[in-house]
Amino acid sequence: MQILTIHLPIKTKGHTDIIDITHKVQDELDKRKLNHGQVTLFVPGSTGAFTTMEYEPNLSVDIKRAFEKIAPEDADYAHHLTWGDHNGHSHVRASLLGPSITVPFENKKLTLGTWQQIVFIDFDTSSRNRNIILQIMGA
């Protein structure tokens, strides 16, 4: 069993920016001599998160609308009193999804469904340079 750690830099726009990173993850798998195992993605920070979805423009709109209902940007968050940065909604939204995701792979291919992609969502209030940590474990 091998364990590899790779850093994937990505630039985001913030404001529930949904970014398909499936191809980046698969590209890293393609470079390796591992046939089966799992990949884990992790974002350092508390305003970004991972999930899977059918990555298409209208579903992205629906997801943004859903998060606006669950944790509205203009709500009064106690977190605002701590730092005054007015991104309480960003922290709440990211906490609901979580900072990591694990996906198995077989025969060097991610075992995602036909319409399923890995996405990173940046909930913060401005653009960011994120450093995604990709860990590949396999044989």
Protein backbone atom coordinates (compact mmCIF):
# COMPACT_ATOMS: atom_id res chain seq x y z
CA MET A 1 0.00 0.00 0.00
CA GLN A 2 1.24 3.46 -0.91
CA ILE A 3 0.14 6.77 0.51
CA LEU A 4 0.76 9.88 -1.58
CA THR A 5 -0.01 13.48 -0.63
CA ILE A 6 -0.49 16.06 -3.36
CA HIS A 7 -1.35 19.75 -3.07
CA LEU A 8 -3.83 21.12 -5.61
CA PRO A 9 -3.94 24.93 -5.74
CA ILE A 10 -7.22 26.41 -6.97
CA LYS A 11 -8.45 29.98 -7.29
CA THR A 12 -12.02 30.62 -6.20
CA LYS A 13 -14.49 33.48 -6.47
CA GLY A 14 -16.13 32.98 -3.07
CA HIS A 15 -19.87 33.47 -2.54
CA THR A 16 -20.77 29.75 -2.89
CA ASP A 17 -18.45 29.25 -5.85
CA ILE A 18 -18.92 25.63 -6.99
CA ILE A 19 -15.87 24.17 -8.75
CA ASP A 20 -15.75 20.76 -10.44
CA ILE A 21 -12.39 19.22 -9.52
CA THR A 22 -13.10 15.68 -10.75
CA HIS A 23 -10.72 16.00 -13.69
CA LYS A 24 -7.89 17.27 -11.45
CA VAL A 25 -8.28 14.27 -9.16
CA GLN A 26 -8.51 11.79 -12.05
CA ASP A 27 -5.45 13.41 -13.69
CA GLU A 28 -3.45 12.78 -10.51
CA LEU A 29 -4.61 9.15 -10.44
CA ASP A 30 -3.61 8.74 -14.08
CA LYS A 31 -0.04 9.78 -13.21
CA ARG A 32 0.31 7.04 -10.59
CA LYS A 33 0.86 3.30 -10.80
CA LEU A 34 -1.95 2.56 -8.37
CA ASN A 35 -4.88 0.44 -9.60
CA HIS A 36 -7.24 0.47 -6.62
CA GLY A 37 -7.67 2.32 -3.36
CA GLN A 38 -9.19 5.60 -2.29
CA VAL A 39 -8.63 9.32 -2.59
CA THR A 40 -9.32 11.74 0.22
CA LEU A 41 -9.65 15.46 -0.40
CA PHE A 42 -9.30 17.96 2.44
CA VAL A 43 -9.42 21.75 2.56
CA PRO A 44 -7.59 23.59 5.33
CA GLY A 45 -9.89 26.36 6.52
CA SER A 46 -13.42 26.65 7.78
CA THR A 47 -15.29 28.27 4.88
CA GLY A 48 -14.78 25.66 2.14
CA ALA A 49 -16.29 22.19 1.71
CA PHE A 50 -16.61 19.17 -0.57
CA THR A 51 -19.52 17.17 -1.91
CA THR A 52 -20.54 15.33 -5.06
CA MET A 53 -23.25 16.45 -7.45
CA GLU A 54 -24.29 16.45 -11.06
CA TYR A 55 -22.22 19.44 -12.10
CA GLU A 56 -24.49 21.39 -14.43
CA PRO A 57 -25.39 25.09 -14.36
CA ASN A 58 -29.01 24.81 -13.25
CA LEU A 59 -28.25 22.46 -10.36
CA SER A 60 -25.50 24.86 -9.27
CA VAL A 61 -28.14 27.61 -9.13
CA ASP A 62 -30.44 25.32 -7.12
CA ILE A 63 -27.69 24.51 -4.62
CA LYS A 64 -26.87 28.20 -4.14
CA ARG A 65 -30.57 28.94 -3.57
CA ALA A 66 -30.86 26.08 -1.07
CA PHE A 67 -27.91 27.34 0.96
CA GLU A 68 -29.36 30.85 0.91
CA LYS A 69 -32.53 29.41 2.53
CA ILE A 70 -30.63 27.27 5.06
CA ALA A 71 -28.04 29.88 6.11
CA PRO A 72 -28.91 33.26 4.56
CA GLU A 73 -26.02 35.62 3.92
CA ASP A 74 -27.85 38.62 5.41
CA ALA A 75 -28.87 36.89 8.67
CA ASP A 76 -27.50 38.07 12.02
CA TYR A 77 -24.80 35.59 13.10
CA ALA A 78 -23.14 35.65 16.51
CA HIS A 79 -19.85 34.89 14.73
CA HIS A 80 -19.90 38.46 13.37
CA LEU A 81 -19.28 39.71 16.91
CA THR A 82 -16.06 37.68 17.15
CA TRP A 83 -14.09 39.03 14.19
CA GLY A 84 -16.39 41.53 12.48
CA ASP A 85 -15.80 39.85 9.12
CA HIS A 86 -19.50 39.16 8.43
CA ASN A 87 -18.99 35.67 7.06
CA GLY A 88 -20.96 33.72 9.65
CA HIS A 89 -23.07 32.21 6.87
CA SER A 90 -19.86 30.94 5.21
CA HIS A 91 -18.85 29.03 8.33
CA VAL A 92 -22.31 27.58 8.89
CA ARG A 93 -22.63 26.43 5.27
CA ALA A 94 -19.17 24.84 5.21
CA SER A 95 -19.84 23.09 8.51
CA LEU A 96 -22.95 21.46 7.07
CA LEU A 97 -20.97 19.79 4.26
CA GLY A 98 -17.58 19.28 5.87
CA PRO A 99 -13.93 19.84 4.90
CA SER A 100 -13.25 16.44 3.32
CA ILE A 101 -14.55 13.68 1.09
CA THR A 102 -13.31 10.18 0.28
CA VAL A 103 -13.90 8.42 -3.04
CA PRO A 104 -12.73 4.89 -3.92
CA PHE A 105 -11.08 4.04 -7.24
CA GLU A 106 -10.80 0.78 -9.19
CA ASN A 107 -8.73 0.06 -12.30
CA LYS A 108 -7.23 3.59 -11.99
CA LYS A 109 -10.71 5.21 -12.31
CA LEU A 110 -12.76 7.04 -9.69
CA THR A 111 -15.89 5.00 -8.90
CA LEU A 112 -18.29 7.89 -9.40
CA GLY A 113 -21.75 7.53 -10.89
CA THR A 114 -22.44 8.57 -14.47
CA TRP A 115 -23.63 12.05 -13.52
CA GLN A 116 -21.60 12.45 -10.33
CA GLN A 117 -18.68 14.84 -10.00
CA ILE A 118 -16.50 15.90 -7.08
CA VAL A 119 -16.97 19.58 -6.31
CA PHE A 120 -15.32 22.05 -4.00
CA ILE A 121 -17.53 24.87 -2.74
CA ASP A 122 -16.02 28.10 -1.45
CA PHE A 123 -18.55 29.79 0.81
CA ASP A 124 -16.37 32.71 1.88
CA THR A 125 -17.15 36.32 0.99
CA SER A 126 -14.26 36.96 -1.40
CA SER A 127 -11.98 35.19 -3.84
CA ARG A 128 -9.33 32.96 -2.36
CA ASN A 129 -6.29 30.94 -3.33
CA ARG A 130 -7.09 27.56 -1.83
CA ASN A 131 -4.70 24.68 -1.28
CA ILE A 132 -6.60 21.41 -1.59
CA ILE A 133 -4.85 18.43 -0.07
CA LEU A 134 -5.32 15.24 -2.07
CA GLN A 135 -4.21 12.04 -0.41
CA ILE A 136 -4.15 8.87 -2.51
CA MET A 137 -3.97 5.50 -0.75
CA GLY A 138 -3.80 2.33 -2.76
CA ALA A 139 -1.95 -0.47 -4.44
